[in-house]
Amino acid sequence: MVDDNSRRMEKLESNLAHLEHQVEEMNCVLIDQGKLLDRLKKEVQRQNTAMQTLELERIQSNNQKPPHYQ
């Protein structure tokens, strides 16, 4: 009976250690994904600003003053 309890306890401890390792790995992946998401958000914002600037320049270049204003 004592041997059976010892084996069960060792198996539980082994499983717990395995689960703790998996949780730590998942936490690292989650942190990395958060950092990547932040970088991608900044890149999208930068590209959005650049596209707005280009669009404004295009509109301004096509919107010339009438001859009597020049």
PDB file of N, CA and C in Angstrom:
ATOM      1  N   MET A   1       0.818  -1.194   0.000  1.00  0.00           N
ATOM      2  CA  MET A   1       0.000   0.000   0.000  1.00  0.00           C
ATOM      3  C   MET A   1       0.860   1.255   0.000  1.00  0.00           C
ATOM      4  N   VAL A   2       1.951   1.247   0.798  1.00  0.00           N
ATOM      5  CA  VAL A   2       2.836   2.404   0.850  1.00  0.00           C
ATOM      6  C   VAL A   2       3.521   2.594  -0.491  1.00  0.00           C
ATOM      7  N   ASP A   3       3.947   1.494  -1.110  1.00  0.00           N
ATOM      8  CA  ASP A   3       4.590   1.584  -2.425  1.00  0.00           C
ATOM      9  C   ASP A   3       3.612   2.124  -3.468  1.00  0.00           C
ATOM     10  N   ASP A   4       2.366   1.687  -3.378  1.00  0.00           N
ATOM     11  CA  ASP A   4       1.350   2.153  -4.316  1.00  0.00           C
ATOM     12  C   ASP A   4       1.131   3.660  -4.151  1.00  0.00           C
ATOM     13  N   ASN A   5       1.054   4.121  -2.921  1.00  0.00           N
ATOM     14  CA  ASN A   5       0.890   5.559  -2.671  1.00  0.00           C
ATOM     15  C   ASN A   5       2.113   6.347  -3.123  1.00  0.00           C
ATOM     16  N   SER A   6       3.299   5.785  -2.914  1.00  0.00           N
ATOM     17  CA  SER A   6       4.529   6.456  -3.352  1.00  0.00           C
ATOM     18  C   SER A   6       4.570   6.596  -4.862  1.00  0.00           C
ATOM     19  N   ARG A   7       4.198   5.522  -5.557  1.00  0.00           N
ATOM     20  CA  ARG A   7       4.176   5.575  -7.031  1.00  0.00           C
ATOM     21  C   ARG A   7       3.159   6.594  -7.524  1.00  0.00           C
ATOM     22  N   ARG A   8       1.996   6.597  -6.905  1.00  0.00           N
ATOM     23  CA  ARG A   8       0.968   7.561  -7.293  1.00  0.00           C
ATOM     24  C   ARG A   8       1.446   8.984  -7.041  1.00  0.00           C
ATOM     25  N   MET A   9       2.085   9.199  -5.901  1.00  0.00           N
ATOM     26  CA  MET A   9       2.596  10.534  -5.570  1.00  0.00           C
ATOM     27  C   MET A   9       3.676  10.955  -6.559  1.00  0.00           C
ATOM     28  N   GLU A  10       4.581  10.044  -6.909  1.00  0.00           N
ATOM     29  CA  GLU A  10       5.626  10.360  -7.882  1.00  0.00           C
ATOM     30  C   GLU A  10       5.022  10.695  -9.242  1.00  0.00           C
ATOM     31  N   LYS A  11       3.988   9.921  -9.638  1.00  0.00           N
ATOM     32  CA  LYS A  11       3.339  10.188 -10.922  1.00  0.00           C
ATOM     33  C   LYS A  11       2.654  11.560 -10.899  1.00  0.00           C
ATOM     34  N   LEU A  12       1.980  11.878  -9.797  1.00  0.00           N
ATOM     35  CA  LEU A  12       1.346  13.192  -9.678  1.00  0.00           C
ATOM     36  C   LEU A  12       2.370  14.318  -9.731  1.00  0.00           C
ATOM     37  N   GLU A  13       3.481  14.144  -9.033  1.00  0.00           N
ATOM     38  CA  GLU A  13       4.533  15.166  -9.033  1.00  0.00           C
ATOM     39  C   GLU A  13       5.133  15.322 -10.422  1.00  0.00           C
ATOM     40  N   SER A  14       5.306  14.204 -11.102  1.00  0.00           N
ATOM     41  CA  SER A  14       5.851  14.251 -12.464  1.00  0.00           C
ATOM     42  C   SER A  14       4.880  14.978 -13.392  1.00  0.00           C
ATOM     43  N   ASN A  15       3.610  14.642 -13.297  1.00  0.00           N
ATOM     44  CA  ASN A  15       2.610  15.313 -14.132  1.00  0.00           C
ATOM     45  C   ASN A  15       2.537  16.801 -13.820  1.00  0.00           C
ATOM     46  N   LEU A  16       2.609  17.144 -12.564  1.00  0.00           N
ATOM     47  CA  LEU A  16       2.573  18.554 -12.172  1.00  0.00           C
ATOM     48  C   LEU A  16       3.777  19.303 -12.735  1.00  0.00           C
ATOM     49  N   ALA A  17       4.949  18.695 -12.642  1.00  0.00           N
ATOM     50  CA  ALA A  17       6.156  19.333 -13.191  1.00  0.00           C
ATOM     51  C   ALA A  17       6.008  19.533 -14.698  1.00  0.00           C
ATOM     52  N   HIS A  18       5.456  18.536 -15.374  1.00  0.00           N
ATOM     53  CA  HIS A  18       5.253  18.637 -16.823  1.00  0.00           C
ATOM     54  C   HIS A  18       4.283  19.779 -17.138  1.00  0.00           C
ATOM     55  N   LEU A  19       3.189  19.861 -16.404  1.00  0.00           N
ATOM     56  CA  LEU A  19       2.212  20.924 -16.625  1.00  0.00           C
ATOM     57  C   LEU A  19       2.799  22.302 -16.334  1.00  0.00           C
ATOM     58  N   GLU A  20       3.590  22.405 -15.282  1.00  0.00           N
ATOM     59  CA  GLU A  20       4.231  23.686 -14.971  1.00  0.00           C
ATOM     60  C   GLU A  20       5.156  24.109 -16.099  1.00  0.00           C
ATOM     61  N   HIS A  21       5.874  23.150 -16.673  1.00  0.00           N
ATOM     62  CA  HIS A  21       6.766  23.447 -17.792  1.00  0.00           C
ATOM     63  C   HIS A  21       5.961  23.925 -19.005  1.00  0.00           C
ATOM     64  N   GLN A  22       4.853  23.262 -19.288  1.00  0.00           N
ATOM     65  CA  GLN A  22       4.015  23.662 -20.416  1.00  0.00           C
ATOM     66  C   GLN A  22       3.432  25.062 -20.212  1.00  0.00           C
ATOM     67  N   VAL A  23       3.001  25.357 -18.997  1.00  0.00           N
ATOM     68  CA  VAL A  23       2.455  26.686 -18.710  1.00  0.00           C
ATOM     69  C   VAL A  23       3.530  27.752 -18.904  1.00  0.00           C
ATOM     70  N   GLU A  24       4.741  27.480 -18.476  1.00  0.00           N
ATOM     71  CA  GLU A  24       5.836  28.436 -18.650  1.00  0.00           C
ATOM     72  C   GLU A  24       6.135  28.661 -20.130  1.00  0.00           C
ATOM     73  N   GLU A  25       6.139  27.587 -20.914  1.00  0.00           N
ATOM     74  CA  GLU A  25       6.367  27.722 -22.354  1.00  0.00           C
ATOM     75  C   GLU A  25       5.245  28.528 -23.008  1.00  0.00           C
ATOM     76  N   MET A  26       4.010  28.259 -22.628  1.00  0.00           N
ATOM     77  CA  MET A  26       2.877  28.991 -23.190  1.00  0.00           C
ATOM     78  C   MET A  26       2.940  30.460 -22.798  1.00  0.00           C
ATOM     79  N   ASN A  27       3.381  30.746 -21.600  1.00  0.00           N
ATOM     80  CA  ASN A  27       3.520  32.126 -21.153  1.00  0.00           C
ATOM     81  C   ASN A  27       4.557  32.861 -22.006  1.00  0.00           C
ATOM     82  N   CYS A  28       5.665  32.201 -22.294  1.00  0.00           N
ATOM     83  CA  CYS A  28       6.694  32.820 -23.144  1.00  0.00           C
ATOM     84  C   CYS A  28       6.153  33.100 -24.544  1.00  0.00           C
ATOM     85  N   VAL A  29       5.403  32.156 -25.088  1.00  0.00           N
ATOM     86  CA  VAL A  29       4.819  32.339 -26.418  1.00  0.00           C
ATOM     87  C   VAL A  29       3.836  33.505 -26.393  1.00  0.00           C
ATOM     88  N   LEU A  30       3.034  33.573 -25.355  1.00  0.00           N
ATOM     89  CA  LEU A  30       2.058  34.653 -25.232  1.00  0.00           C
ATOM     90  C   LEU A  30       2.734  36.017 -25.131  1.00  0.00           C
ATOM     91  N   ILE A  31       3.810  36.098 -24.379  1.00  0.00           N
ATOM     92  CA  ILE A  31       4.558  37.357 -24.260  1.00  0.00           C
ATOM     93  C   ILE A  31       5.138  37.752 -25.618  1.00  0.00           C
ATOM     94  N   ASP A  32       5.725  36.788 -26.329  1.00  0.00           N
ATOM     95  CA  ASP A  32       6.286  37.073 -27.651  1.00  0.00           C
ATOM     96  C   ASP A  32       5.200  37.537 -28.622  1.00  0.00           C
ATOM     97  N   GLN A  33       4.039  36.906 -28.569  1.00  0.00           N
ATOM     98  CA  GLN A  33       2.949  37.307 -29.455  1.00  0.00           C
ATOM     99  C   GLN A  33       2.455  38.712 -29.118  1.00  0.00           C
ATOM    100  N   GLY A  34       2.433  39.057 -27.841  1.00  0.00           N
ATOM    101  CA  GLY A  34       2.042  40.406 -27.449  1.00  0.00           C
ATOM    102  C   GLY A  34       2.998  41.446 -27.988  1.00  0.00           C
ATOM    103  N   LYS A  35       4.297  41.142 -27.913  1.00  0.00           N
ATOM    104  CA  LYS A  35       5.300  42.067 -28.453  1.00  0.00           C
ATOM    105  C   LYS A  35       5.149  42.208 -29.961  1.00  0.00           C
ATOM    106  N   LEU A  36       4.927  41.079 -30.645  1.00  0.00           N
ATOM    107  CA  LEU A  36       4.737  41.119 -32.091  1.00  0.00           C
ATOM    108  C   LEU A  36       3.496  41.921 -32.450  1.00  0.00           C
ATOM    109  N   LEU A  37       2.427  41.732 -31.711  1.00  0.00           N
ATOM    110  CA  LEU A  37       1.195  42.467 -31.963  1.00  0.00           C
ATOM    111  C   LEU A  37       1.412  43.968 -31.798  1.00  0.00           C
ATOM    112  N   ASP A  38       2.149  44.365 -30.774  1.00  0.00           N
ATOM    113  CA  ASP A  38       2.445  45.789 -30.583  1.00  0.00           C
ATOM    114  C   ASP A  38       3.238  46.348 -31.758  1.00  0.00           C
ATOM    115  N   ARG A  39       4.256  45.594 -32.210  1.00  0.00           N
ATOM    116  CA  ARG A  39       5.057  46.048 -33.358  1.00  0.00           C
ATOM    117  C   ARG A  39       4.189  46.173 -34.607  1.00  0.00           C
ATOM    118  N   LEU A  40       3.326  45.191 -34.833  1.00  0.00           N
ATOM    119  CA  LEU A  40       2.480  45.227 -36.027  1.00  0.00           C
ATOM    120  C   LEU A  40       1.479  46.375 -35.961  1.00  0.00           C
ATOM    121  N   LYS A  41       0.950  46.657 -34.791  1.00  0.00           N
ATOM    122  CA  LYS A  41       0.036  47.798 -34.641  1.00  0.00           C
ATOM    123  C   LYS A  41       0.745  49.096 -34.985  1.00  0.00           C
ATOM    124  N   LYS A  42       1.979  49.258 -34.500  1.00  0.00           N
ATOM    125  CA  LYS A  42       2.742  50.473 -34.806  1.00  0.00           C
ATOM    126  C   LYS A  42       3.031  50.570 -36.288  1.00  0.00           C
ATOM    127  N   GLU A  43       3.347  49.448 -36.925  1.00  0.00           N
ATOM    128  CA  GLU A  43       3.634  49.455 -38.359  1.00  0.00           C
ATOM    129  C   GLU A  43       2.379  49.810 -39.157  1.00  0.00           C
ATOM    130  N   VAL A  44       1.242  49.259 -38.781  1.00  0.00           N
ATOM    131  CA  VAL A  44      -0.010  49.584 -39.468  1.00  0.00           C
ATOM    132  C   VAL A  44      -0.323  51.067 -39.304  1.00  0.00           C
ATOM    133  N   GLN A  45      -0.119  51.597 -38.111  1.00  0.00           N
ATOM    134  CA  GLN A  45      -0.369  53.023 -37.880  1.00  0.00           C
ATOM    135  C   GLN A  45       0.556  53.888 -38.727  1.00  0.00           C
ATOM    136  N   ARG A  46       1.833  53.485 -38.811  1.00  0.00           N
ATOM    137  CA  ARG A  46       2.796  54.235 -39.625  1.00  0.00           C
ATOM    138  C   ARG A  46       2.388  54.213 -41.093  1.00  0.00           C
ATOM    139  N   GLN A  47       1.991  53.043 -41.588  1.00  0.00           N
ATOM    140  CA  GLN A  47       1.575  52.939 -42.987  1.00  0.00           C
ATOM    141  C   GLN A  47       0.280  53.698 -43.241  1.00  0.00           C
ATOM    142  N   ASN A  48      -0.617  53.690 -42.284  1.00  0.00           N
ATOM    143  CA  ASN A  48      -1.869  54.437 -42.417  1.00  0.00           C
ATOM    144  C   ASN A  48      -1.580  55.932 -42.527  1.00  0.00           C
ATOM    145  N   THR A  49      -0.695  56.425 -41.689  1.00  0.00           N
ATOM    146  CA  THR A  49      -0.319  57.839 -41.743  1.00  0.00           C
ATOM    147  C   THR A  49       0.328  58.182 -43.084  1.00  0.00           C
ATOM    148  N   ALA A  50       1.205  57.300 -43.559  1.00  0.00           N
ATOM    149  CA  ALA A  50       1.858  57.536 -44.845  1.00  0.00           C
ATOM    150  C   ALA A  50       0.835  57.554 -45.982  1.00  0.00           C
ATOM    151  N   MET A  51      -0.124  56.640 -45.950  1.00  0.00           N
ATOM    152  CA  MET A  51      -1.148  56.600 -46.994  1.00  0.00           C
ATOM    153  C   MET A  51      -2.023  57.855 -46.955  1.00  0.00           C
ATOM    154  N   GLN A  52      -2.348  58.329 -45.766  1.00  0.00           N
ATOM    155  CA  GLN A  52      -3.145  59.552 -45.655  1.00  0.00           C
ATOM    156  C   GLN A  52      -2.375  60.744 -46.210  1.00  0.00           C
ATOM    157  N   THR A  53      -1.107  60.803 -45.918  1.00  0.00           N
ATOM    158  CA  THR A  53      -0.270  61.890 -46.428  1.00  0.00           C
ATOM    159  C   THR A  53      -0.214  61.854 -47.952  1.00  0.00           C
ATOM    160  N   LEU A  54      -0.003  60.671 -48.512  1.00  0.00           N
ATOM    161  CA  LEU A  54       0.036  60.538 -49.970  1.00  0.00           C
ATOM    162  C   LEU A  54      -1.307  60.912 -50.600  1.00  0.00           C
ATOM    163  N   GLU A  55      -2.379  60.516 -49.969  1.00  0.00           N
ATOM    164  CA  GLU A  55      -3.707  60.833 -50.498  1.00  0.00           C
ATOM    165  C   GLU A  55      -3.956  62.335 -50.465  1.00  0.00           C
ATOM    166  N   LEU A  56      -3.569  62.995 -49.381  1.00  0.00           N
ATOM    167  CA  LEU A  56      -3.725  64.451 -49.298  1.00  0.00           C
ATOM    168  C   LEU A  56      -2.885  65.152 -50.359  1.00  0.00           C
ATOM    169  N   GLU A  57      -1.665  64.683 -50.566  1.00  0.00           N
ATOM    170  CA  GLU A  57      -0.812  65.282 -51.601  1.00  0.00           C
ATOM    171  C   GLU A  57      -1.422  65.089 -52.979  1.00  0.00           C
ATOM    172  N   ARG A  58      -1.989  63.908 -53.225  1.00  0.00           N
ATOM    173  CA  ARG A  58      -2.622  63.641 -54.526  1.00  0.00           C
ATOM    174  C   ARG A  58      -3.824  64.557 -54.731  1.00  0.00           C
ATOM    175  N   ILE A  59      -4.629  64.710 -53.712  1.00  0.00           N
ATOM    176  CA  ILE A  59      -5.807  65.577 -53.815  1.00  0.00           C
ATOM    177  C   ILE A  59      -5.376  67.020 -54.050  1.00  0.00           C
ATOM    178  N   GLN A  60      -4.380  67.480 -53.331  1.00  0.00           N
ATOM    179  CA  GLN A  60      -3.917  68.864 -53.478  1.00  0.00           C
ATOM    180  C   GLN A  60      -3.316  69.104 -54.849  1.00  0.00           C
ATOM    181  N   SER A  61      -2.622  68.122 -55.392  1.00  0.00           N
ATOM    182  CA  SER A  61      -2.023  68.321 -56.721  1.00  0.00           C
ATOM    183  C   SER A  61      -3.095  68.330 -57.814  1.00  0.00           C
ATOM    184  N   ASN A  62      -4.196  67.648 -57.608  1.00  0.00           N
ATOM    185  CA  ASN A  62      -5.282  67.626 -58.588  1.00  0.00           C
ATOM    186  C   ASN A  62      -6.255  68.788 -58.402  1.00  0.00           C
ATOM    187  N   ASN A  63      -6.137  69.493 -57.321  1.00  0.00           N
ATOM    188  CA  ASN A  63      -7.062  70.573 -56.995  1.00  0.00           C
ATOM    189  C   ASN A  63      -6.363  71.920 -57.234  1.00  0.00           C
ATOM    190  N   GLN A  64      -6.120  72.235 -58.492  1.00  0.00           N
ATOM    191  CA  GLN A  64      -5.399  73.466 -58.836  1.00  0.00           C
ATOM    192  C   GLN A  64      -6.331  74.679 -58.753  1.00  0.00           C
ATOM    193  N   LYS A  65      -5.709  75.846 -58.508  1.00  0.00           N
ATOM    194  CA  LYS A  65      -6.462  77.088 -58.419  1.00  0.00           C
ATOM    195  C   LYS A  65      -6.939  77.487 -59.819  1.00  0.00           C
ATOM    196  N   PRO A  66      -8.076  78.107 -59.883  1.00  0.00           N
ATOM    197  CA  PRO A  66      -8.555  78.617 -61.178  1.00  0.00           C
ATOM    198  C   PRO A  66      -7.581  79.682 -61.709  1.00  0.00           C
ATOM    199  N   PRO A  67      -7.557  79.890 -63.010  1.00  0.00           N
ATOM    200  CA  PRO A  67      -6.600  80.832 -63.613  1.00  0.00           C
ATOM    201  C   PRO A  67      -6.683  82.248 -63.045  1.00  0.00           C
ATOM    202  N   HIS A  68      -7.848  82.704 -62.652  1.00  0.00           N
ATOM    203  CA  HIS A  68      -7.942  84.082 -62.156  1.00  0.00           C
ATOM    204  C   HIS A  68      -7.358  84.222 -60.741  1.00  0.00           C
ATOM    205  N   TYR A  69      -7.023  83.118 -60.049  1.00  0.00           N
ATOM    206  CA  TYR A  69      -6.362  83.186 -58.741  1.00  0.00           C
ATOM    207  C   TYR A  69      -4.840  83.110 -58.845  1.00  0.00           C
ATOM    208  N   GLN A  70      -4.328  82.803 -60.001  1.00  0.00           N
ATOM    209  CA  GLN A  70      -2.873  82.631 -60.135  1.00  0.00           C
ATOM    210  C   GLN A  70      -2.170  83.892 -60.492  1.00  0.00           C
TER     211      GLN A  70
END
